[in-house]
Amino acid sequence: MRTPLRIVTGTALCILAVSGCSSPKPKAIDTTSLVDKGVQEAVTTLEGMNADLTIATQPDIDLKGPSAQHWFVKAVEPKTEILPGGAITLDLVSSFDRAVRYCGVGDVEDKGATLIIDMAGKKLGSGDLTYADEKCLLTHLKAPASVTEKMNATRALDGRRDGQWDGITAEWSYHPDNGLDVILTLDN
């Protein structure tokens, strides 16, 4: 699912009667170069173009928090350029969306902030993902061996376990009937 981020560029205010300054002709900002960049890099690029930015986003996306590195620009509106004083919308996808698209498996929920990995167990309807599916998703998300080895060594008696890395929290449990069930969330 896509999550919009709205960025409004501001104009420099020059009061001629007080300072006698002049305002240069506004320079257009090329928006095509922002697609596929991380949201932090896109914002830095816009700031580097000397555009005053006001950023409005959904409350669950903190651009300075640990999960910000997991959001990427999918599309930009307007598609070509924007003049200072105009508005730009960055259409975002999470690293979970990208991993699911790359691996072809998994369920992304909560506007891109949650990934569910439901592996098959002995019980009918317990899940349908395989070990190879789990490995593809976790490799794409750069999960460290310290977390993946704990997941793969979990027994039914161990109960629910958890681990963290780079702004992602993983919780999982295992039972032979239900398989390995993993919930990954982006930290706020």
Protein backbone atom coordinates (compact mmCIF):
# COMPACT_ATOMS: atom_id res chain seq x y z
CA MET A 1 0.00 0.00 0.00
CA ARG A 2 1.26 3.46 -0.81
CA THR A 3 1.67 6.17 1.80
CA PRO A 4 1.62 9.80 0.62
CA LEU A 5 4.03 12.42 1.89
CA ARG A 6 3.20 16.02 1.04
CA ILE A 7 5.99 18.57 0.82
CA VAL A 8 5.22 22.21 0.17
CA THR A 9 8.03 24.45 -1.03
CA GLY A 10 8.05 27.98 0.31
CA THR A 11 9.20 31.20 -1.30
CA ALA A 12 11.78 33.57 0.13
CA LEU A 13 10.12 36.73 1.42
CA CYS A 14 11.72 40.00 0.40
CA ILE A 15 10.22 43.27 1.58
CA LEU A 16 11.43 45.90 -0.89
CA ALA A 17 10.40 48.94 1.14
CA VAL A 18 12.50 47.89 4.17
CA SER A 19 15.59 46.23 2.75
CA GLY A 20 15.68 47.37 -0.85
CA CYS A 21 16.47 43.79 -1.95
CA SER A 22 15.26 42.19 -5.14
CA SER A 23 13.83 38.74 -5.59
CA PRO A 24 15.46 36.54 -8.27
CA LYS A 25 13.27 34.66 -10.74
CA PRO A 26 12.08 31.41 -9.08
CA LYS A 27 13.98 28.34 -10.27
CA ALA A 28 11.98 25.21 -11.13
CA ILE A 29 12.80 22.02 -9.21
CA ASP A 30 13.17 18.81 -11.26
CA THR A 31 11.08 16.13 -9.55
CA THR A 32 11.92 13.18 -11.82
CA SER A 33 15.23 12.56 -10.04
CA LEU A 34 13.42 11.82 -6.74
CA VAL A 35 11.80 8.53 -7.84
CA ASP A 36 13.35 5.40 -6.24
CA LYS A 37 15.31 7.45 -3.70
CA GLY A 38 14.90 6.94 0.00
CA VAL A 39 12.58 9.57 1.47
CA GLN A 40 15.39 11.06 3.58
CA GLU A 41 17.58 11.41 0.47
CA ALA A 42 14.69 12.96 -1.49
CA VAL A 43 14.06 15.53 1.25
CA THR A 44 17.80 16.28 1.45
CA THR A 45 17.87 16.74 -2.34
CA LEU A 46 14.97 19.20 -2.16
CA GLU A 47 16.64 21.06 0.71
CA GLY A 48 19.86 21.21 -1.35
CA MET A 49 17.92 23.05 -4.06
CA ASN A 50 17.45 25.90 -1.59
CA ALA A 51 13.72 25.27 -1.32
CA ASP A 52 12.18 26.12 2.04
CA LEU A 53 10.19 23.02 2.96
CA THR A 54 7.18 22.43 5.10
CA ILE A 55 6.71 18.70 5.51
CA ALA A 56 3.37 17.17 6.40
CA THR A 57 3.09 13.42 6.79
CA GLN A 58 1.00 10.85 8.56
CA PRO A 59 1.86 10.71 12.29
CA ASP A 60 3.24 7.16 12.07
CA ILE A 61 6.08 8.21 9.75
CA ASP A 62 8.83 10.03 11.61
CA LEU A 63 11.35 11.27 9.05
CA LYS A 64 14.03 11.51 11.74
CA GLY A 65 13.18 8.20 13.45
CA PRO A 66 14.85 4.83 12.96
CA SER A 67 12.25 3.59 10.45
CA ALA A 68 12.66 6.55 8.05
CA GLN A 69 15.38 4.64 6.20
CA HIS A 70 12.70 2.10 5.22
CA TRP A 71 10.55 4.49 3.12
CA PHE A 72 11.17 5.10 -0.60
CA VAL A 73 9.72 7.41 -3.26
CA LYS A 74 7.53 5.47 -5.69
CA ALA A 75 6.06 8.39 -7.66
CA VAL A 76 6.10 12.18 -7.65
CA GLU A 77 3.32 14.63 -8.44
CA PRO A 78 3.79 16.85 -10.39
CA LYS A 79 5.76 14.42 -12.53
CA THR A 80 8.29 16.82 -14.08
CA GLU A 81 9.02 20.04 -12.20
CA ILE A 82 7.70 22.41 -9.59
CA LEU A 83 8.23 26.11 -9.01
CA PRO A 84 9.03 27.47 -5.56
CA GLY A 85 5.79 28.15 -3.73
CA GLY A 86 4.13 25.11 -5.28
CA ALA A 87 3.30 21.76 -3.71
CA ILE A 88 4.89 18.38 -4.34
CA THR A 89 3.53 14.99 -3.31
CA LEU A 90 5.92 12.07 -2.85
CA ASP A 91 4.14 8.72 -3.08
CA LEU A 92 6.00 6.39 -0.69
CA VAL A 93 6.41 2.64 -0.33
CA SER A 94 8.13 0.87 2.55
CA SER A 95 11.02 -1.57 2.41
CA PHE A 96 8.40 -4.23 3.29
CA ASP A 97 6.49 -3.39 0.08
CA ARG A 98 9.72 -3.63 -1.89
CA ALA A 99 10.67 -6.99 -0.32
CA VAL A 100 7.22 -8.46 -1.05
CA ARG A 101 7.38 -7.19 -4.64
CA TYR A 102 10.91 -8.65 -5.05
CA CYS A 103 10.14 -12.05 -3.46
CA GLY A 104 6.52 -12.35 -4.62
CA VAL A 105 5.28 -13.47 -1.18
CA GLY A 106 4.25 -12.02 2.20
CA ASP A 107 1.47 -9.71 3.38
CA VAL A 108 2.05 -6.00 3.99
CA GLU A 109 -0.42 -4.29 6.34
CA ASP A 110 -0.81 -1.02 8.27
CA LYS A 111 -0.01 1.23 5.29
CA GLY A 112 3.36 -0.45 4.74
CA ALA A 113 4.49 -0.52 8.38
CA THR A 114 3.86 -4.25 9.05
CA LEU A 115 4.95 -7.40 7.20
CA ILE A 116 3.43 -10.78 8.05
CA ILE A 117 5.35 -13.96 7.20
CA ASP A 118 2.99 -16.92 7.73
CA MET A 119 4.83 -20.17 7.05
CA ALA A 120 3.15 -23.50 6.45
CA GLY A 121 2.70 -25.99 9.27
CA LYS A 122 1.13 -29.45 9.46
CA LYS A 123 -2.35 -28.02 10.03
CA LEU A 124 -4.38 -27.19 6.93
CA GLY A 125 -4.66 -23.42 6.46
CA SER A 126 -1.80 -22.67 8.83
CA GLY A 127 0.09 -20.62 6.26
CA ASP A 128 1.59 -21.12 2.84
CA LEU A 129 5.11 -19.69 2.83
CA THR A 130 8.19 -21.87 2.66
CA TYR A 131 11.62 -21.57 4.26
CA ALA A 132 12.91 -20.21 0.92
CA ASP A 133 10.19 -17.51 0.99
CA GLU A 134 11.13 -16.51 4.55
CA LYS A 135 14.82 -16.42 3.61
CA CYS A 136 14.15 -14.25 0.55
CA LEU A 137 12.16 -11.67 2.56
CA LEU A 138 14.59 -11.53 5.49
CA THR A 139 17.63 -11.36 3.20
CA HIS A 140 16.05 -8.50 1.23
CA LEU A 141 15.41 -6.70 4.52
CA LYS A 142 19.02 -7.32 5.62
CA ALA A 143 18.05 -9.21 8.79
CA PRO A 144 21.20 -10.18 10.69
CA ALA A 145 22.10 -13.80 11.36
CA SER A 146 21.62 -13.15 15.09
CA VAL A 147 17.88 -12.76 14.40
CA THR A 148 17.36 -15.28 11.59
CA GLU A 149 19.19 -18.06 13.43
CA LYS A 150 17.05 -17.47 16.53
CA MET A 151 13.92 -17.64 14.35
CA ASN A 152 14.93 -20.88 12.70
CA ALA A 153 15.93 -22.46 16.03
CA THR A 154 12.68 -21.55 17.85
CA ARG A 155 10.79 -24.49 19.38
CA ALA A 156 7.12 -24.68 20.35
CA LEU A 157 8.17 -24.55 24.03
CA ASP A 158 9.99 -21.23 23.54
CA GLY A 159 6.82 -19.16 23.20
CA ARG A 160 6.88 -15.79 21.48
CA ARG A 161 10.33 -14.34 20.79
CA ASP A 162 11.57 -11.04 19.38
CA GLY A 163 14.55 -9.31 17.86
CA GLN A 164 15.47 -5.92 16.36
CA TRP A 165 17.70 -4.46 13.68
CA ASP A 166 17.96 -1.14 11.81
CA GLY A 167 14.52 0.23 12.73
CA ILE A 168 12.70 -3.10 12.35
CA THR A 169 11.22 -5.17 15.20
CA ALA A 170 10.51 -8.87 14.63
CA GLU A 171 8.21 -11.02 16.77
CA TRP A 172 7.73 -14.71 16.06
CA SER A 173 6.49 -18.03 17.37
CA TYR A 174 6.69 -21.60 16.14
CA HIS A 175 4.49 -24.64 16.47
CA PRO A 176 4.68 -27.72 14.20
CA ASP A 177 0.95 -27.44 13.48
CA ASN A 178 1.05 -23.71 12.64
CA GLY A 179 4.57 -23.29 11.29
CA LEU A 180 6.74 -20.26 11.94
CA ASP A 181 4.68 -17.08 12.22
CA VAL A 182 6.64 -13.81 11.98
CA ILE A 183 5.40 -10.23 12.35
CA LEU A 184 7.81 -7.46 11.33
CA THR A 185 7.06 -3.83 12.16
CA LEU A 186 8.82 -0.56 11.42
CA ASP A 187 9.80 1.20 14.65
CA ASN A 188 8.34 4.67 15.14
